[in-house]
N, C-alpha and C. Protein backbone atom coordinates (compact mmCIF):
# COMPACT_ATOMS: atom_id res chain seq x y z
N UNK A 1 48.46 152.44 81.61
CA UNK A 1 48.36 151.59 82.77
C UNK A 1 46.88 151.44 83.13
N UNK A 2 46.47 150.23 83.50
CA UNK A 2 45.09 149.93 83.87
C UNK A 2 44.79 150.39 85.29
N UNK A 3 43.69 151.12 85.44
CA UNK A 3 43.27 151.56 86.76
C UNK A 3 42.56 150.42 87.47
N UNK A 4 42.90 150.20 88.72
CA UNK A 4 42.21 149.20 89.53
C UNK A 4 41.46 149.96 90.62
N UNK A 5 40.13 149.98 90.48
CA UNK A 5 39.28 150.71 91.42
C UNK A 5 38.13 149.82 91.84
N UNK A 6 37.58 150.11 92.99
CA UNK A 6 36.44 149.39 93.50
C UNK A 6 35.43 150.37 94.08
N UNK A 7 34.19 149.93 94.14
CA UNK A 7 33.17 150.60 94.93
C UNK A 7 32.52 149.52 95.79
N UNK A 8 31.71 149.91 96.75
CA UNK A 8 31.15 148.93 97.68
C UNK A 8 29.67 149.18 97.92
N UNK A 9 28.89 148.08 97.92
CA UNK A 9 27.48 148.13 98.30
C UNK A 9 27.38 147.64 99.73
N UNK A 10 26.91 148.50 100.63
CA UNK A 10 26.75 148.13 102.03
C UNK A 10 25.39 147.45 102.18
N UNK A 11 25.41 146.15 102.49
CA UNK A 11 24.18 145.36 102.56
C UNK A 11 23.33 145.74 103.76
N UNK A 12 23.95 146.17 104.85
CA UNK A 12 23.19 146.54 106.05
C UNK A 12 22.52 147.90 105.89
N UNK A 13 23.27 148.88 105.39
CA UNK A 13 22.73 150.23 105.25
C UNK A 13 22.01 150.43 103.91
N UNK A 14 22.12 149.43 103.01
CA UNK A 14 21.49 149.46 101.70
C UNK A 14 21.81 150.75 100.95
N UNK A 15 23.11 151.00 100.80
CA UNK A 15 23.56 152.17 100.04
C UNK A 15 24.93 151.91 99.46
N UNK A 16 25.20 152.60 98.37
CA UNK A 16 26.50 152.48 97.70
C UNK A 16 27.48 153.38 98.42
N UNK A 17 28.64 152.85 98.69
CA UNK A 17 29.70 153.59 99.36
C UNK A 17 30.88 153.74 98.42
N UNK A 18 31.61 154.77 98.63
CA UNK A 18 32.93 154.91 98.01
C UNK A 18 32.91 155.01 96.50
N UNK A 19 32.04 155.84 95.94
CA UNK A 19 32.23 156.16 94.53
C UNK A 19 33.55 156.88 94.44
N UNK A 20 34.25 156.74 93.34
CA UNK A 20 35.60 157.29 93.26
C UNK A 20 35.67 158.81 93.21
N UNK A 21 34.53 159.50 93.08
CA UNK A 21 34.57 160.94 93.23
C UNK A 21 34.62 161.32 94.70
N UNK A 22 34.45 160.31 95.57
CA UNK A 22 34.48 160.52 97.01
C UNK A 22 35.93 160.48 97.52
N UNK A 23 36.70 159.53 97.05
CA UNK A 23 38.09 159.40 97.49
C UNK A 23 38.80 158.41 96.57
N UNK A 24 40.09 158.58 96.42
CA UNK A 24 40.90 157.63 95.67
C UNK A 24 42.13 157.32 96.51
N UNK A 25 42.53 156.08 96.79
CA UNK A 25 41.77 154.89 96.42
C UNK A 25 40.54 154.75 97.29
N UNK A 26 39.55 154.08 96.77
CA UNK A 26 38.27 153.93 97.45
C UNK A 26 38.33 152.86 98.53
N UNK A 27 38.78 151.68 98.15
CA UNK A 27 38.85 150.56 99.09
C UNK A 27 40.32 150.28 99.36
N UNK A 28 40.68 150.23 100.62
CA UNK A 28 42.07 149.97 100.98
C UNK A 28 42.32 148.47 101.02
N UNK A 29 43.58 148.09 101.08
CA UNK A 29 43.92 146.67 101.05
C UNK A 29 43.49 145.92 102.29
N UNK A 30 43.21 146.62 103.38
CA UNK A 30 42.72 145.93 104.58
C UNK A 30 41.20 145.81 104.56
N UNK A 31 40.57 146.20 103.45
CA UNK A 31 39.13 146.01 103.29
C UNK A 31 38.28 147.12 103.85
N UNK A 32 38.89 148.20 104.30
CA UNK A 32 38.12 149.29 104.88
C UNK A 32 37.79 150.31 103.80
N UNK A 33 36.54 150.73 103.78
CA UNK A 33 36.10 151.76 102.84
C UNK A 33 36.29 153.11 103.52
N UNK A 34 37.13 153.95 102.95
CA UNK A 34 37.43 155.23 103.58
C UNK A 34 37.11 156.36 102.61
N UNK A 35 36.56 157.42 103.12
CA UNK A 35 36.27 158.57 102.29
C UNK A 35 35.85 159.74 103.13
N UNK A 36 35.48 160.82 102.47
CA UNK A 36 35.08 162.03 103.17
C UNK A 36 33.93 161.75 104.14
N UNK A 37 32.97 160.95 103.69
CA UNK A 37 31.78 160.71 104.50
C UNK A 37 31.69 159.29 105.04
N UNK A 38 32.68 158.47 104.74
CA UNK A 38 32.58 157.05 105.11
C UNK A 38 33.89 156.57 105.74
N UNK A 39 33.88 156.37 107.04
CA UNK A 39 35.03 155.75 107.69
C UNK A 39 34.51 154.68 108.64
N UNK A 40 35.29 153.64 108.79
CA UNK A 40 34.94 152.53 109.68
C UNK A 40 33.54 151.99 109.38
N UNK A 41 33.27 151.73 108.14
CA UNK A 41 31.95 151.24 107.75
C UNK A 41 31.84 149.74 107.96
N UNK A 42 30.65 149.24 107.80
CA UNK A 42 30.34 147.83 107.95
C UNK A 42 31.22 146.97 107.05
N UNK A 43 31.55 145.76 107.49
CA UNK A 43 32.29 144.83 106.65
C UNK A 43 31.33 143.93 105.87
N UNK A 44 30.04 144.21 105.97
CA UNK A 44 29.04 143.41 105.28
C UNK A 44 28.70 144.10 103.96
N UNK A 45 29.63 144.08 103.02
CA UNK A 45 29.39 144.74 101.75
C UNK A 45 29.91 143.92 100.58
N UNK A 46 29.44 144.30 99.40
CA UNK A 46 29.83 143.63 98.17
C UNK A 46 30.75 144.57 97.39
N UNK A 47 31.94 144.09 97.06
CA UNK A 47 32.86 144.89 96.27
C UNK A 47 32.57 144.72 94.79
N UNK A 48 32.65 145.80 94.04
CA UNK A 48 32.46 145.78 92.59
C UNK A 48 33.65 146.49 91.95
N UNK A 49 34.28 145.81 91.01
CA UNK A 49 35.49 146.34 90.39
C UNK A 49 35.18 147.15 89.14
N UNK A 50 35.98 148.19 88.93
CA UNK A 50 35.92 149.00 87.73
C UNK A 50 36.43 148.16 86.56
N UNK A 51 35.71 148.16 85.44
CA UNK A 51 36.06 147.35 84.29
C UNK A 51 37.18 147.95 83.44
N UNK A 52 37.46 149.22 83.64
CA UNK A 52 38.42 149.91 82.78
C UNK A 52 37.75 150.54 81.57
N UNK A 53 36.42 150.37 81.46
CA UNK A 53 35.66 150.91 80.33
C UNK A 53 34.80 152.08 80.78
N UNK A 54 34.47 152.95 79.83
CA UNK A 54 33.57 154.07 80.09
C UNK A 54 32.45 154.04 79.07
N UNK A 55 31.26 154.50 79.50
CA UNK A 55 30.12 154.53 78.58
C UNK A 55 30.24 155.74 77.65
N UNK A 56 29.23 155.95 76.80
CA UNK A 56 29.31 157.02 75.81
C UNK A 56 29.33 158.41 76.43
N UNK A 57 28.96 158.52 77.71
CA UNK A 57 29.00 159.80 78.41
C UNK A 57 30.26 159.96 79.26
N UNK A 58 31.17 158.99 79.18
CA UNK A 58 32.41 159.06 79.95
C UNK A 58 32.29 158.53 81.37
N UNK A 59 31.14 157.94 81.72
CA UNK A 59 30.95 157.38 83.06
C UNK A 59 31.64 156.02 83.15
N UNK A 60 32.35 155.81 84.25
CA UNK A 60 33.04 154.55 84.46
C UNK A 60 32.05 153.41 84.62
N UNK A 61 32.36 152.26 84.00
CA UNK A 61 31.50 151.09 84.07
C UNK A 61 32.09 150.10 85.08
N UNK A 62 31.28 149.76 86.08
CA UNK A 62 31.69 148.84 87.14
C UNK A 62 30.94 147.52 87.01
N UNK A 63 31.54 146.48 87.57
CA UNK A 63 30.86 145.20 87.72
C UNK A 63 29.54 145.46 88.45
N UNK A 64 28.46 144.86 87.97
CA UNK A 64 27.16 145.06 88.60
C UNK A 64 26.38 146.24 88.04
N UNK A 65 26.98 147.01 87.15
CA UNK A 65 26.25 148.12 86.53
C UNK A 65 25.21 147.59 85.55
N UNK A 66 24.13 148.32 85.43
CA UNK A 66 23.11 148.03 84.44
C UNK A 66 23.29 149.05 83.33
N UNK A 67 23.43 148.56 82.12
CA UNK A 67 23.65 149.45 80.98
C UNK A 67 22.57 149.24 79.93
N UNK A 68 22.28 150.31 79.21
CA UNK A 68 21.35 150.26 78.09
C UNK A 68 22.15 150.52 76.83
N UNK A 69 21.89 149.70 75.83
CA UNK A 69 22.56 149.85 74.55
C UNK A 69 21.48 150.02 73.49
N UNK A 70 21.62 151.06 72.69
CA UNK A 70 20.65 151.32 71.63
C UNK A 70 21.40 151.42 70.31
N UNK A 71 20.75 151.00 69.27
CA UNK A 71 21.38 151.08 67.97
C UNK A 71 20.48 150.54 66.88
N UNK A 72 21.10 150.19 65.79
CA UNK A 72 20.38 149.63 64.65
C UNK A 72 20.99 148.29 64.34
N UNK A 73 20.15 147.26 64.28
CA UNK A 73 20.58 145.89 64.02
C UNK A 73 20.38 145.60 62.54
N UNK A 74 21.42 145.13 61.89
CA UNK A 74 21.35 144.73 60.49
C UNK A 74 21.32 143.22 60.44
N UNK A 75 20.18 142.63 60.04
CA UNK A 75 20.08 141.16 59.99
C UNK A 75 21.11 140.56 59.03
N UNK A 76 21.60 139.37 59.38
CA UNK A 76 22.56 138.67 58.54
C UNK A 76 21.87 138.07 57.32
N UNK A 77 20.64 137.68 57.48
CA UNK A 77 19.92 137.02 56.40
C UNK A 77 19.24 138.04 55.49
N UNK A 78 19.31 137.80 54.19
CA UNK A 78 18.65 138.69 53.25
C UNK A 78 17.14 138.46 53.24
N UNK A 79 16.69 137.37 53.89
CA UNK A 79 15.26 137.08 53.96
C UNK A 79 14.56 138.00 54.95
N UNK A 80 15.32 138.54 55.90
CA UNK A 80 14.75 139.42 56.92
C UNK A 80 14.84 140.86 56.45
N UNK A 81 13.83 141.63 56.79
CA UNK A 81 13.88 143.05 56.48
C UNK A 81 14.75 143.72 57.54
N UNK A 82 15.34 144.78 57.19
CA UNK A 82 16.19 145.48 58.15
C UNK A 82 16.59 146.80 57.57
N UNK A 83 17.35 147.57 58.21
CA UNK A 83 17.80 147.40 59.60
C UNK A 83 16.68 147.67 60.61
N UNK A 84 16.82 147.08 61.78
CA UNK A 84 15.82 147.21 62.83
C UNK A 84 16.43 147.94 64.03
N UNK A 85 15.72 148.94 64.58
CA UNK A 85 16.23 149.57 65.81
C UNK A 85 16.07 148.60 66.99
N UNK A 86 16.97 148.70 67.94
CA UNK A 86 16.86 147.86 69.13
C UNK A 86 17.29 148.63 70.36
N UNK A 87 16.86 148.15 71.50
CA UNK A 87 17.32 148.65 72.80
C UNK A 87 17.52 147.43 73.67
N UNK A 88 18.70 147.26 74.19
CA UNK A 88 19.03 146.12 75.03
C UNK A 88 19.47 146.64 76.38
N UNK A 89 18.96 146.05 77.44
CA UNK A 89 19.34 146.40 78.80
C UNK A 89 19.91 145.15 79.45
N UNK A 90 21.04 145.29 80.10
CA UNK A 90 21.66 144.15 80.76
C UNK A 90 22.64 144.58 81.83
N UNK A 91 23.29 143.59 82.43
CA UNK A 91 24.22 143.88 83.51
C UNK A 91 25.63 143.44 83.13
N UNK A 92 26.60 144.02 83.80
CA UNK A 92 28.01 143.72 83.59
C UNK A 92 28.45 142.73 84.66
N UNK A 93 29.01 141.59 84.22
CA UNK A 93 29.45 140.55 85.16
C UNK A 93 30.87 140.09 84.80
N UNK A 94 31.56 139.55 85.79
CA UNK A 94 32.88 138.95 85.59
C UNK A 94 32.67 137.45 85.43
N UNK A 95 33.31 136.86 84.42
CA UNK A 95 33.21 135.43 84.19
C UNK A 95 34.53 134.76 84.53
N UNK A 96 34.50 133.90 85.55
CA UNK A 96 35.72 133.22 86.02
C UNK A 96 36.28 132.26 84.97
N UNK A 97 35.41 131.65 84.18
CA UNK A 97 35.87 130.69 83.18
C UNK A 97 36.70 131.37 82.10
N UNK A 98 36.20 132.49 81.58
CA UNK A 98 36.88 133.19 80.49
C UNK A 98 37.74 134.35 80.97
N UNK A 99 37.71 134.60 82.28
CA UNK A 99 38.50 135.68 82.89
C UNK A 99 38.30 137.00 82.15
N UNK A 100 37.03 137.40 82.07
CA UNK A 100 36.72 138.65 81.39
C UNK A 100 35.38 139.20 81.79
N UNK A 101 35.14 140.47 81.41
CA UNK A 101 33.88 141.14 81.67
C UNK A 101 32.90 140.81 80.55
N UNK A 102 31.64 140.56 80.93
CA UNK A 102 30.62 140.25 79.95
C UNK A 102 29.36 141.07 80.20
N UNK A 103 28.65 141.35 79.12
CA UNK A 103 27.36 142.00 79.15
C UNK A 103 26.30 140.91 79.04
N UNK A 104 25.45 140.79 80.05
CA UNK A 104 24.38 139.80 80.04
C UNK A 104 23.08 140.56 79.83
N UNK A 105 22.55 140.47 78.61
CA UNK A 105 21.33 141.19 78.27
C UNK A 105 20.37 140.31 77.51
N UNK A 106 19.40 140.96 76.89
CA UNK A 106 18.36 140.24 76.15
C UNK A 106 18.86 139.67 74.83
N UNK A 107 19.83 140.33 74.23
CA UNK A 107 20.31 139.87 72.92
C UNK A 107 21.68 139.23 73.06
N UNK A 108 22.15 138.68 71.98
CA UNK A 108 23.49 138.08 71.96
C UNK A 108 24.51 139.05 71.40
N UNK A 109 24.11 140.30 71.25
CA UNK A 109 25.01 141.31 70.67
C UNK A 109 26.16 141.60 71.63
N UNK A 110 27.30 141.88 71.06
CA UNK A 110 28.44 142.32 71.86
C UNK A 110 28.20 143.76 72.30
N UNK A 111 28.64 144.07 73.49
CA UNK A 111 28.47 145.41 74.02
C UNK A 111 29.60 146.31 73.53
N UNK A 112 29.23 147.42 72.93
CA UNK A 112 30.20 148.44 72.56
C UNK A 112 30.06 149.55 73.59
N UNK A 113 31.05 149.73 74.49
CA UNK A 113 30.93 150.73 75.54
C UNK A 113 30.63 152.13 75.01
N UNK A 114 31.12 152.43 73.82
CA UNK A 114 30.90 153.76 73.24
C UNK A 114 29.46 153.96 72.80
N UNK A 115 28.67 152.89 72.78
CA UNK A 115 27.27 152.98 72.35
C UNK A 115 26.30 152.70 73.50
N UNK A 116 26.78 152.58 74.72
CA UNK A 116 25.90 152.25 75.83
C UNK A 116 25.91 153.35 76.88
N UNK A 117 24.93 153.28 77.78
CA UNK A 117 24.80 154.24 78.86
C UNK A 117 24.56 153.49 80.17
N UNK A 118 25.31 153.84 81.22
CA UNK A 118 25.06 153.27 82.54
C UNK A 118 23.77 153.90 83.06
N UNK A 119 22.79 153.04 83.38
CA UNK A 119 21.50 153.55 83.85
C UNK A 119 21.21 153.18 85.30
N UNK A 120 22.08 152.41 85.93
CA UNK A 120 21.89 152.02 87.32
C UNK A 120 22.81 150.88 87.67
N UNK A 121 22.50 150.20 88.78
CA UNK A 121 23.27 149.02 89.17
C UNK A 121 22.34 148.01 89.81
N UNK A 122 22.82 146.78 89.94
CA UNK A 122 21.97 145.67 90.39
C UNK A 122 21.51 145.80 91.83
N UNK A 123 22.15 146.65 92.62
CA UNK A 123 21.78 146.79 94.03
C UNK A 123 20.77 147.91 94.25
N UNK A 124 20.99 149.05 93.61
CA UNK A 124 20.11 150.20 93.82
C UNK A 124 18.89 150.20 92.90
N UNK A 125 18.99 149.56 91.75
CA UNK A 125 17.86 149.60 90.80
C UNK A 125 17.71 148.29 90.03
N UNK A 126 17.50 147.16 90.75
CA UNK A 126 17.35 145.87 90.07
C UNK A 126 16.12 145.81 89.17
N UNK A 127 15.14 146.66 89.43
CA UNK A 127 13.91 146.67 88.63
C UNK A 127 14.18 147.02 87.17
N UNK A 128 15.31 147.67 86.89
CA UNK A 128 15.65 148.02 85.51
C UNK A 128 15.88 146.78 84.66
N UNK A 129 16.19 145.64 85.31
CA UNK A 129 16.40 144.39 84.59
C UNK A 129 15.12 143.58 84.47
N UNK A 130 14.05 144.03 85.11
CA UNK A 130 12.80 143.28 85.06
C UNK A 130 12.83 142.01 85.88
N UNK A 131 13.72 141.94 86.86
CA UNK A 131 13.84 140.74 87.68
C UNK A 131 13.00 140.87 88.94
């Protein structure tokens, strides 16, 4: 069964609320974030959904997470020398057109969750994307 979980970025307090190690479920159906340290919080927040995927360290990957993927790229063309090491950093987004999670990074490579590491998120560490 697919887990449906959320976390919340509080825009006023500029902090992440309701990581799932805090409480389960994190966000209730009436939109209130409840937990050991968070009750009756601001309604000015951004919800981010759990993708159902985990990185190579077992950390849950959420919408808005910044992930780093490292590996070895084998060029398709025999004219290019290879294999070449690479490191790609990008963010996880939901695409309404294709109704799926996508990795938006520097390369066109598909993201393999087992080969990536969550290194931050777009709210707490946008500088990791160089934006």
